[in-house]
Amino acid sequence: MERIWLKHYPPGVPADIQPSQYPSVVAMLEESFAKFSSRTAFVCMDKAITYAELDDWSRALAAWLQGKGLKRGARVAVMMPNLLPYPVAIAAILRAGLTAVNINPLYTPRELEFQLNDSGAEAIIVLENFAVTLQHAIAGSAVKHVIVSAVGDMLGPMKGSLTNFVVRHVKKMVPHYDLPGAITFRQAIAAGWHMRLQPPDIGAEDVAFLQYTGGTTGVAKGAMLLPRNMIANALQG
């Protein structure tokens, strides 16, 4: 078959990809950490972090997750918008050999409760703005470990503190919540610095992401995304 669509590909987009060149998403990530260590990985609110910083922070958080006794393939939910802690959280979950479960930050307690129970999530990383939703949904779920992040996390000491003050006390965007035993995002990373990350034995059939549908026509359903799915998407650009 003549692949006539290839002429519409922008420059630099490969005509063929080989997902099998990486045994796992973690292998692809760690190659990028080493190859592009000094380059900017993400920018948010005018704050940039490098691949080296993403490597260090995600390694520490991954070690903390393993230290909590989470076994290979355990589901870890992430309930936050596009902030700098998000890529750190996702990379950490994958590097710990766990499965990431993305959760819509705008979910109601009922919707969150369903997804936590359906996924069997044993841990969750949640932005403090939505922690009160988790408070009303966590009972009866399998969640044992809660990490609470803040908008100002990873923006630097001065900018981060100012941002959190404005978000919490000026704009009042963080409703009061009560989550006994929860740890902050920064505390988890600080604790992880002193732990050793054990490279997980990740297979081609291990689930990298459990990604839920929108549920607009019924109950949301979790799609299992394997490493080769994610690698293929990344290689295609």
Protein backbone atom coordinates (compact mmCIF):
# COMPACT_ATOMS: atom_id res chain seq x y z
CA MET A 1 0.00 0.00 0.00
CA GLU A 2 1.28 3.43 -0.89
CA ARG A 3 1.42 5.49 2.28
CA ILE A 4 0.28 8.76 0.72
CA TRP A 5 -0.26 10.33 4.14
CA LEU A 6 3.47 10.49 4.78
CA LYS A 7 3.85 13.54 2.53
CA HIS A 8 1.75 15.49 5.01
CA TYR A 9 4.06 14.69 7.94
CA PRO A 10 5.94 17.76 9.26
CA PRO A 11 9.74 17.68 9.06
CA GLY A 12 11.28 15.54 11.76
CA VAL A 13 8.29 13.21 12.20
CA PRO A 14 9.48 9.65 11.43
CA ALA A 15 7.61 7.51 8.94
CA ASP A 16 8.22 4.39 11.02
CA ILE A 17 8.72 3.87 14.74
CA GLN A 18 10.11 0.99 16.78
CA PRO A 19 8.47 0.92 20.24
CA SER A 20 10.40 -2.26 21.04
CA GLN A 21 13.65 -0.28 21.22
CA TYR A 22 12.70 0.51 24.83
CA PRO A 23 11.72 -2.26 27.24
CA SER A 24 9.63 0.15 29.31
CA VAL A 25 8.53 3.77 29.66
CA VAL A 26 11.02 4.05 32.52
CA ALA A 27 13.90 3.15 30.21
CA MET A 28 12.84 5.88 27.79
CA LEU A 29 12.51 8.42 30.61
CA GLU A 30 15.88 7.63 32.11
CA GLU A 31 17.57 7.86 28.72
CA SER A 32 16.10 11.35 28.34
CA PHE A 33 17.17 12.33 31.86
CA ALA A 34 20.77 11.45 31.01
CA LYS A 35 20.80 12.76 27.43
CA PHE A 36 19.09 16.10 28.07
CA SER A 37 20.00 16.68 31.72
CA SER A 38 20.75 20.40 31.35
CA ARG A 39 17.78 21.18 29.10
CA THR A 40 14.43 22.53 30.20
CA ALA A 41 11.87 19.79 30.70
CA PHE A 42 8.82 21.79 31.85
CA VAL A 43 7.82 25.41 32.43
CA CYS A 44 4.93 26.51 34.64
CA MET A 45 4.15 29.98 36.00
CA ASP A 46 7.47 31.20 34.53
CA LYS A 47 9.40 28.60 36.52
CA ALA A 48 11.44 26.09 34.52
CA ILE A 49 12.79 22.74 35.69
CA THR A 50 15.46 20.73 33.89
CA TYR A 51 15.54 17.05 33.06
CA ALA A 52 18.17 16.64 35.78
CA GLU A 53 15.85 18.17 38.37
CA LEU A 54 12.96 16.03 37.16
CA ASP A 55 15.26 13.02 37.47
CA ASP A 56 16.28 13.85 41.06
CA TRP A 57 12.84 14.76 42.37
CA SER A 58 11.02 11.85 40.75
CA ARG A 59 13.68 9.42 41.95
CA ALA A 60 13.21 10.62 45.55
CA LEU A 61 9.42 10.42 45.34
CA ALA A 62 9.60 6.98 43.72
CA ALA A 63 11.82 5.74 46.54
CA TRP A 64 9.31 7.08 49.09
CA LEU A 65 6.45 5.28 47.33
CA GLN A 66 8.40 2.02 47.35
CA GLY A 67 9.21 2.63 51.00
CA LYS A 68 5.51 2.59 51.79
CA GLY A 69 5.37 -1.04 50.74
CA LEU A 70 3.54 -0.49 47.45
CA LYS A 71 4.14 -3.53 45.28
CA ARG A 72 4.79 -3.66 41.55
CA GLY A 73 1.66 -2.67 39.62
CA ALA A 74 -0.11 -1.04 42.58
CA ARG A 75 -2.33 1.84 41.46
CA VAL A 76 -1.47 5.40 42.50
CA ALA A 77 -4.05 8.09 41.73
CA VAL A 78 -3.03 11.62 40.70
CA MET A 79 -5.62 14.38 41.13
CA MET A 80 -4.12 17.67 40.04
CA PRO A 81 -4.03 20.07 37.07
CA ASN A 82 -0.99 20.93 34.97
CA LEU A 83 1.45 22.10 37.64
CA LEU A 84 5.13 21.23 38.08
CA PRO A 85 4.45 18.50 40.68
CA TYR A 86 2.40 16.61 38.08
CA PRO A 87 5.25 15.40 35.80
CA VAL A 88 7.33 14.63 38.90
CA ALA A 89 4.48 12.53 40.30
CA ILE A 90 3.91 10.63 37.03
CA ALA A 91 7.61 9.91 36.52
CA ALA A 92 7.93 8.79 40.14
CA ILE A 93 4.98 6.41 39.91
CA LEU A 94 6.36 4.78 36.77
CA ARG A 95 9.90 4.59 38.14
CA ALA A 96 8.62 2.86 41.26
CA GLY A 97 7.05 0.16 39.08
CA LEU A 98 3.52 1.32 39.85
CA THR A 99 0.49 2.21 37.72
CA ALA A 100 -0.63 5.84 37.36
CA VAL A 101 -4.35 6.60 37.56
CA ASN A 102 -5.17 10.10 36.37
CA ILE A 103 -8.21 11.64 38.07
CA ASN A 104 -10.13 14.70 36.91
CA PRO A 105 -9.52 17.43 39.56
CA LEU A 106 -13.10 18.64 39.05
CA TYR A 107 -14.67 15.35 40.08
CA THR A 108 -17.36 15.38 42.74
CA PRO A 109 -16.90 13.16 45.82
CA ARG A 110 -19.22 10.57 44.29
CA GLU A 111 -17.24 10.43 41.03
CA LEU A 112 -13.94 10.31 42.89
CA GLU A 113 -15.17 7.56 45.19
CA PHE A 114 -16.17 5.45 42.19
CA GLN A 115 -12.83 5.83 40.46
CA LEU A 116 -10.81 5.12 43.60
CA ASN A 117 -12.80 1.96 44.25
CA ASP A 118 -12.89 0.84 40.62
CA SER A 119 -9.13 1.31 40.15
CA GLY A 120 -8.20 -0.09 43.54
CA ALA A 121 -5.84 2.84 44.13
CA GLU A 122 -3.70 2.37 47.23
CA ALA A 123 -2.24 5.88 47.24
CA ILE A 124 -3.17 9.29 45.89
CA ILE A 125 -1.33 12.52 45.15
CA VAL A 126 -3.84 15.38 45.31
CA LEU A 127 -3.62 19.16 45.02
CA GLU A 128 -4.70 20.74 48.31
CA ASN A 129 -7.40 22.74 46.49
CA PHE A 130 -9.27 19.45 45.98
CA ALA A 131 -8.32 17.69 49.21
CA VAL A 132 -11.75 18.30 50.73
CA THR A 133 -13.25 16.27 47.87
CA LEU A 134 -10.93 13.40 48.77
CA GLN A 135 -11.93 13.75 52.42
CA HIS A 136 -15.52 12.93 51.48
CA ALA A 137 -14.59 10.07 49.15
CA ILE A 138 -11.75 8.21 50.82
CA ALA A 139 -13.74 6.21 53.36
CA GLY A 140 -14.21 2.65 52.19
CA SER A 141 -11.53 2.91 49.49
CA ALA A 142 -8.23 1.04 49.43
CA VAL A 143 -6.22 4.27 49.73
CA LYS A 144 -3.66 4.01 52.53
CA HIS A 145 -1.26 6.82 51.62
CA VAL A 146 -2.14 10.45 50.80
CA ILE A 147 0.29 13.07 49.47
CA VAL A 148 -1.01 16.64 49.34
CA SER A 149 0.67 19.09 46.97
CA ALA A 150 0.30 22.85 46.72
CA VAL A 151 0.25 25.26 43.78
CA GLY A 152 3.53 26.82 44.92
CA ASP A 153 5.41 23.55 45.22
CA MET A 154 8.57 23.60 43.10
CA LEU A 155 8.31 27.31 42.25
CA GLY A 156 11.22 28.11 44.55
CA PRO A 157 11.24 29.19 48.23
CA MET A 158 10.18 32.82 47.82
CA LYS A 159 7.82 32.54 44.85
CA GLY A 160 6.38 29.29 46.14
CA SER A 161 5.62 30.67 49.59
CA LEU A 162 4.06 33.82 48.16
CA THR A 163 1.97 31.83 45.70
CA ASN A 164 0.69 29.51 48.40
CA PHE A 165 -0.18 32.45 50.68
CA VAL A 166 -2.20 34.13 47.95
CA VAL A 167 -3.95 30.91 46.91
CA ARG A 168 -4.81 29.96 50.51
CA HIS A 169 -5.46 33.26 52.27
CA VAL A 170 -6.18 35.93 49.64
CA LYS A 171 -8.11 34.04 46.98
CA LYS A 172 -9.27 31.42 49.53
CA MET A 173 -9.06 28.62 46.97
CA VAL A 174 -8.23 25.89 49.49
CA PRO A 175 -11.27 24.76 51.51
CA HIS A 176 -10.53 23.34 54.96
CA TYR A 177 -9.95 19.60 54.87
CA ASP A 178 -9.14 16.83 57.31
CA LEU A 179 -7.02 13.93 56.03
CA PRO A 180 -5.32 12.25 59.02
CA GLY A 181 -1.93 10.79 58.17
CA ALA A 182 -1.51 12.77 54.96
CA ILE A 183 1.98 13.97 54.06
CA THR A 184 2.89 16.97 51.94
CA PHE A 185 4.49 16.61 48.51
CA ARG A 186 7.64 18.30 49.72
CA GLN A 187 7.84 16.11 52.83
CA ALA A 188 7.57 12.96 50.73
CA ILE A 189 10.39 14.08 48.44
CA ALA A 190 12.55 15.15 51.40
CA ALA A 191 12.08 11.73 53.00
CA GLY A 192 12.80 10.00 49.69
CA TRP A 193 16.22 11.66 49.40
CA HIS A 194 17.42 9.33 52.15
CA MET A 195 15.98 6.19 50.56
CA ARG A 196 17.28 3.97 47.78
CA LEU A 197 15.14 3.42 44.70
CA GLN A 198 15.03 -0.22 43.69
CA PRO A 199 14.78 -0.43 39.87
CA PRO A 200 11.58 -2.38 39.21
CA ASP A 201 11.41 -5.40 36.93
CA ILE A 202 8.86 -3.98 34.49
CA GLY A 203 7.53 -6.22 31.75
CA ALA A 204 5.98 -5.38 28.39
CA GLU A 205 2.54 -6.37 29.68
CA ASP A 206 2.67 -4.31 32.88
CA VAL A 207 0.06 -1.55 32.90
CA ALA A 208 1.67 1.90 32.87
CA PHE A 209 -1.53 3.96 33.07
CA LEU A 210 -5.13 3.22 33.96
CA GLN A 211 -6.77 6.06 32.06
CA TYR A 212 -10.49 6.61 32.59
CA THR A 213 -12.94 7.76 29.97
CA GLY A 214 -15.02 10.88 30.52
CA GLY A 215 -18.12 8.93 31.43
CA THR A 216 -20.36 11.26 29.42
CA THR A 217 -22.54 8.42 28.13
CA GLY A 218 -22.41 6.19 31.20
CA VAL A 219 -20.06 5.04 33.94
CA ALA A 220 -16.40 5.97 33.32
CA LYS A 221 -14.28 3.00 32.24
CA GLY A 222 -10.57 2.49 32.80
CA ALA A 223 -8.45 1.86 29.70
CA MET A 224 -5.25 -0.09 30.36
CA LEU A 225 -2.31 1.57 28.62
CA LEU A 226 0.74 -0.65 28.27
CA PRO A 227 4.34 0.61 27.98
CA ARG A 228 4.37 0.07 24.21
CA ASN A 229 1.29 2.29 23.84
CA MET A 230 2.99 5.17 25.63
CA ILE A 231 6.35 4.65 23.91
CA ALA A 232 4.72 4.61 20.48
CA ASN A 233 2.92 7.87 21.21
CA ALA A 234 6.13 9.50 22.44
CA LEU A 235 8.18 8.37 19.45
CA GLN A 236 5.55 9.67 17.04
CA GLY A 237 5.88 13.09 18.65
